[in-house]
Amino acid sequence: MEETVHNKKQWVLAAAMAALLIAASWFCVSVWRATPAMPVYGNVILAVAAFLVLMSGCGLIALMFYSHRKGYDEPARSNRTTARE
């Protein structure tokens, strides 16, 4: 019985998320059609900005993997012993 309730909750959640996706898509398309077309230089600027954002995101993720593989993310350790009096 518990599996059935869990599956129903998942289906309700999936249906709600699908409804939100459809509503957001409809809103975006309606706003897109209502606005005037962007000039060519605006499209070029938008494409360059999207490319730069994509490259910086890929670069940051690559640095994260590099840092993890080289061990820079490990906690600091010391081999020194402290002299206590």
N, C-alpha and C. Protein backbone atom coordinates (compact mmCIF):
# COMPACT_ATOMS: atom_id res chain seq x y z
N MET A 1 0.83 -1.21 0.00
CA MET A 1 0.00 0.00 0.00
C MET A 1 0.87 1.26 0.00
N GLU A 2 1.98 1.20 0.74
CA GLU A 2 2.84 2.37 0.84
C GLU A 2 3.48 2.70 -0.51
N GLU A 3 3.83 1.67 -1.31
CA GLU A 3 4.38 1.91 -2.63
C GLU A 3 3.39 2.61 -3.54
N THR A 4 2.12 2.27 -3.42
CA THR A 4 1.09 2.90 -4.24
C THR A 4 0.96 4.38 -3.91
N VAL A 5 0.99 4.71 -2.62
CA VAL A 5 0.90 6.11 -2.21
C VAL A 5 2.13 6.86 -2.71
N HIS A 6 3.29 6.24 -2.60
CA HIS A 6 4.52 6.88 -3.05
C HIS A 6 4.47 7.11 -4.57
N ASN A 7 3.98 6.13 -5.32
CA ASN A 7 3.87 6.29 -6.77
C ASN A 7 2.85 7.36 -7.13
N LYS A 8 1.75 7.45 -6.39
CA LYS A 8 0.75 8.50 -6.66
C LYS A 8 1.33 9.87 -6.40
N LYS A 9 2.11 10.00 -5.34
CA LYS A 9 2.73 11.29 -5.05
C LYS A 9 3.72 11.67 -6.15
N GLN A 10 4.46 10.70 -6.66
CA GLN A 10 5.40 10.98 -7.74
C GLN A 10 4.66 11.40 -9.00
N TRP A 11 3.55 10.73 -9.31
CA TRP A 11 2.79 11.09 -10.50
C TRP A 11 2.17 12.48 -10.37
N VAL A 12 1.68 12.80 -9.17
CA VAL A 12 1.10 14.14 -8.96
C VAL A 12 2.19 15.20 -9.10
N LEU A 13 3.36 14.93 -8.53
CA LEU A 13 4.47 15.87 -8.64
C LEU A 13 4.91 16.02 -10.09
N ALA A 14 5.00 14.91 -10.82
CA ALA A 14 5.39 14.97 -12.23
C ALA A 14 4.36 15.73 -13.06
N ALA A 15 3.09 15.53 -12.77
CA ALA A 15 2.03 16.24 -13.50
C ALA A 15 2.09 17.74 -13.20
N ALA A 16 2.33 18.09 -11.94
CA ALA A 16 2.44 19.51 -11.58
C ALA A 16 3.64 20.16 -12.26
N MET A 17 4.77 19.47 -12.28
CA MET A 17 5.96 20.02 -12.93
C MET A 17 5.74 20.15 -14.44
N ALA A 18 5.07 19.18 -15.05
CA ALA A 18 4.77 19.26 -16.49
C ALA A 18 3.84 20.44 -16.78
N ALA A 19 2.85 20.65 -15.91
CA ALA A 19 1.94 21.78 -16.09
C ALA A 19 2.69 23.10 -15.98
N LEU A 20 3.61 23.20 -15.02
CA LEU A 20 4.40 24.42 -14.88
C LEU A 20 5.31 24.64 -16.10
N LEU A 21 5.88 23.56 -16.63
CA LEU A 21 6.71 23.68 -17.83
C LEU A 21 5.90 24.15 -19.02
N ILE A 22 4.71 23.61 -19.20
CA ILE A 22 3.84 24.02 -20.31
C ILE A 22 3.42 25.48 -20.16
N ALA A 23 3.06 25.88 -18.93
CA ALA A 23 2.64 27.27 -18.69
C ALA A 23 3.80 28.24 -18.94
N ALA A 24 5.00 27.89 -18.47
CA ALA A 24 6.15 28.76 -18.68
C ALA A 24 6.51 28.85 -20.16
N SER A 25 6.43 27.73 -20.86
CA SER A 25 6.72 27.73 -22.30
C SER A 25 5.71 28.58 -23.06
N TRP A 26 4.44 28.45 -22.72
CA TRP A 26 3.40 29.26 -23.37
C TRP A 26 3.65 30.74 -23.12
N PHE A 27 3.99 31.11 -21.89
CA PHE A 27 4.25 32.51 -21.56
C PHE A 27 5.44 33.04 -22.34
N CYS A 28 6.52 32.26 -22.41
CA CYS A 28 7.71 32.70 -23.15
C CYS A 28 7.41 32.91 -24.62
N VAL A 29 6.68 31.99 -25.23
CA VAL A 29 6.35 32.12 -26.65
C VAL A 29 5.45 33.32 -26.88
N SER A 30 4.48 33.56 -26.00
CA SER A 30 3.57 34.70 -26.18
C SER A 30 4.32 36.03 -26.05
N VAL A 31 5.26 36.12 -25.10
CA VAL A 31 6.05 37.34 -24.95
C VAL A 31 6.98 37.51 -26.14
N TRP A 32 7.57 36.41 -26.62
CA TRP A 32 8.48 36.46 -27.77
C TRP A 32 7.77 36.96 -29.02
N ARG A 33 6.54 36.52 -29.23
CA ARG A 33 5.79 36.96 -30.41
C ARG A 33 5.29 38.39 -30.28
N ALA A 34 5.10 38.88 -29.05
CA ALA A 34 4.56 40.22 -28.84
C ALA A 34 5.63 41.31 -28.96
N THR A 35 6.89 40.95 -28.84
CA THR A 35 7.95 41.96 -28.88
C THR A 35 8.49 42.11 -30.30
N PRO A 36 9.01 43.28 -30.63
CA PRO A 36 9.58 43.46 -31.97
C PRO A 36 10.88 42.68 -32.13
N ALA A 37 11.26 42.44 -33.37
CA ALA A 37 12.48 41.68 -33.65
C ALA A 37 13.71 42.46 -33.21
N MET A 38 14.73 41.73 -32.79
CA MET A 38 15.97 42.35 -32.35
C MET A 38 16.85 42.61 -33.57
N PRO A 39 17.59 43.72 -33.58
CA PRO A 39 18.48 43.98 -34.71
C PRO A 39 19.63 42.97 -34.75
N VAL A 40 20.34 42.92 -35.86
CA VAL A 40 21.40 41.94 -36.08
C VAL A 40 22.50 42.07 -35.04
N TYR A 41 22.91 43.32 -34.72
CA TYR A 41 23.97 43.49 -33.74
C TYR A 41 23.55 42.96 -32.36
N GLY A 42 22.27 43.04 -32.06
CA GLY A 42 21.78 42.48 -30.79
C GLY A 42 21.91 40.97 -30.75
N ASN A 43 21.61 40.32 -31.89
CA ASN A 43 21.79 38.88 -31.96
C ASN A 43 23.25 38.48 -31.84
N VAL A 44 24.13 39.28 -32.45
CA VAL A 44 25.57 38.99 -32.36
C VAL A 44 26.05 39.13 -30.92
N ILE A 45 25.65 40.18 -30.26
CA ILE A 45 26.05 40.40 -28.87
C ILE A 45 25.51 39.27 -27.98
N LEU A 46 24.27 38.89 -28.20
CA LEU A 46 23.68 37.80 -27.43
C LEU A 46 24.42 36.48 -27.65
N ALA A 47 24.79 36.20 -28.90
CA ALA A 47 25.52 34.96 -29.21
C ALA A 47 26.90 34.97 -28.57
N VAL A 48 27.60 36.10 -28.63
CA VAL A 48 28.93 36.19 -28.02
C VAL A 48 28.83 36.04 -26.51
N ALA A 49 27.85 36.67 -25.90
CA ALA A 49 27.68 36.56 -24.45
C ALA A 49 27.35 35.13 -24.05
N ALA A 50 26.48 34.46 -24.80
CA ALA A 50 26.14 33.07 -24.49
C ALA A 50 27.38 32.18 -24.61
N PHE A 51 28.19 32.41 -25.64
CA PHE A 51 29.42 31.64 -25.82
C PHE A 51 30.38 31.86 -24.67
N LEU A 52 30.57 33.11 -24.24
CA LEU A 52 31.48 33.40 -23.14
C LEU A 52 31.00 32.79 -21.83
N VAL A 53 29.71 32.85 -21.58
CA VAL A 53 29.17 32.24 -20.36
C VAL A 53 29.36 30.73 -20.39
N LEU A 54 29.12 30.12 -21.53
CA LEU A 54 29.31 28.68 -21.67
C LEU A 54 30.77 28.29 -21.47
N MET A 55 31.69 29.04 -22.07
CA MET A 55 33.11 28.73 -21.93
C MET A 55 33.59 28.93 -20.49
N SER A 56 33.15 29.99 -19.83
CA SER A 56 33.58 30.20 -18.45
C SER A 56 33.01 29.12 -17.53
N GLY A 57 31.79 28.70 -17.77
CA GLY A 57 31.22 27.61 -16.97
C GLY A 57 31.97 26.31 -17.18
N CYS A 58 32.28 25.99 -18.45
CA CYS A 58 33.05 24.77 -18.74
C CYS A 58 34.45 24.86 -18.13
N GLY A 59 35.05 26.02 -18.18
CA GLY A 59 36.38 26.20 -17.59
C GLY A 59 36.37 26.02 -16.09
N LEU A 60 35.37 26.56 -15.43
CA LEU A 60 35.28 26.41 -13.98
C LEU A 60 35.04 24.96 -13.58
N ILE A 61 34.23 24.25 -14.32
CA ILE A 61 33.99 22.84 -14.03
C ILE A 61 35.27 22.04 -14.28
N ALA A 62 36.01 22.37 -15.35
CA ALA A 62 37.28 21.68 -15.61
C ALA A 62 38.27 21.93 -14.49
N LEU A 63 38.34 23.17 -13.99
CA LEU A 63 39.22 23.47 -12.87
C LEU A 63 38.81 22.70 -11.61
N MET A 64 37.52 22.54 -11.41
CA MET A 64 37.04 21.78 -10.25
C MET A 64 37.49 20.32 -10.33
N PHE A 65 37.35 19.70 -11.52
CA PHE A 65 37.80 18.32 -11.68
C PHE A 65 39.31 18.21 -11.55
N TYR A 66 40.06 19.15 -12.12
CA TYR A 66 41.52 19.15 -12.02
C TYR A 66 41.95 19.26 -10.56
N SER A 67 41.33 20.18 -9.83
CA SER A 67 41.67 20.39 -8.44
C SER A 67 41.38 19.15 -7.61
N HIS A 68 40.27 18.51 -7.88
CA HIS A 68 39.92 17.30 -7.13
C HIS A 68 40.88 16.16 -7.45
N ARG A 69 41.25 16.02 -8.72
CA ARG A 69 42.13 14.92 -9.13
C ARG A 69 43.55 15.11 -8.58
N LYS A 70 44.03 16.33 -8.49
CA LYS A 70 45.37 16.60 -7.97
C LYS A 70 45.42 16.58 -6.44
N GLY A 71 44.26 16.52 -5.78
CA GLY A 71 44.25 16.42 -4.32
C GLY A 71 44.22 17.76 -3.61
N TYR A 72 43.95 18.83 -4.33
CA TYR A 72 43.92 20.15 -3.69
C TYR A 72 42.68 20.33 -2.81
N ASP A 73 41.72 19.46 -2.93
CA ASP A 73 40.49 19.60 -2.14
C ASP A 73 40.55 18.83 -0.83
N GLU A 74 41.66 18.15 -0.58
CA GLU A 74 41.78 17.38 0.66
C GLU A 74 41.99 18.32 1.84
N PRO A 75 41.58 17.89 3.03
CA PRO A 75 41.82 18.74 4.20
C PRO A 75 43.32 18.85 4.49
N ALA A 76 43.71 19.96 5.09
CA ALA A 76 45.11 20.20 5.41
C ALA A 76 45.58 19.25 6.51
N ARG A 77 46.81 18.72 6.32
CA ARG A 77 47.41 17.84 7.32
C ARG A 77 48.84 18.29 7.56
N SER A 78 49.31 17.99 8.73
CA SER A 78 50.69 18.35 9.06
C SER A 78 51.36 17.13 9.69
N ASN A 79 52.63 16.94 9.34
CA ASN A 79 53.40 15.85 9.92
C ASN A 79 54.23 16.32 11.11
N ARG A 80 54.18 17.59 11.41
CA ARG A 80 54.96 18.13 12.53
C ARG A 80 54.33 17.74 13.85
N THR A 81 55.17 17.51 14.80
CA THR A 81 54.68 17.27 16.17
C THR A 81 54.91 18.54 16.97
N THR A 82 53.99 18.85 17.80
CA THR A 82 54.10 20.07 18.59
C THR A 82 54.77 19.73 19.92
N ALA A 83 55.68 20.56 20.35
CA ALA A 83 56.38 20.37 21.63
C ALA A 83 55.55 21.00 22.73
N ARG A 84 55.19 20.17 23.66
CA ARG A 84 54.40 20.70 24.80
C ARG A 84 55.28 20.64 26.04
N GLU A 85 55.21 21.69 26.81
CA GLU A 85 56.04 21.74 28.02
C GLU A 85 55.27 21.41 29.23
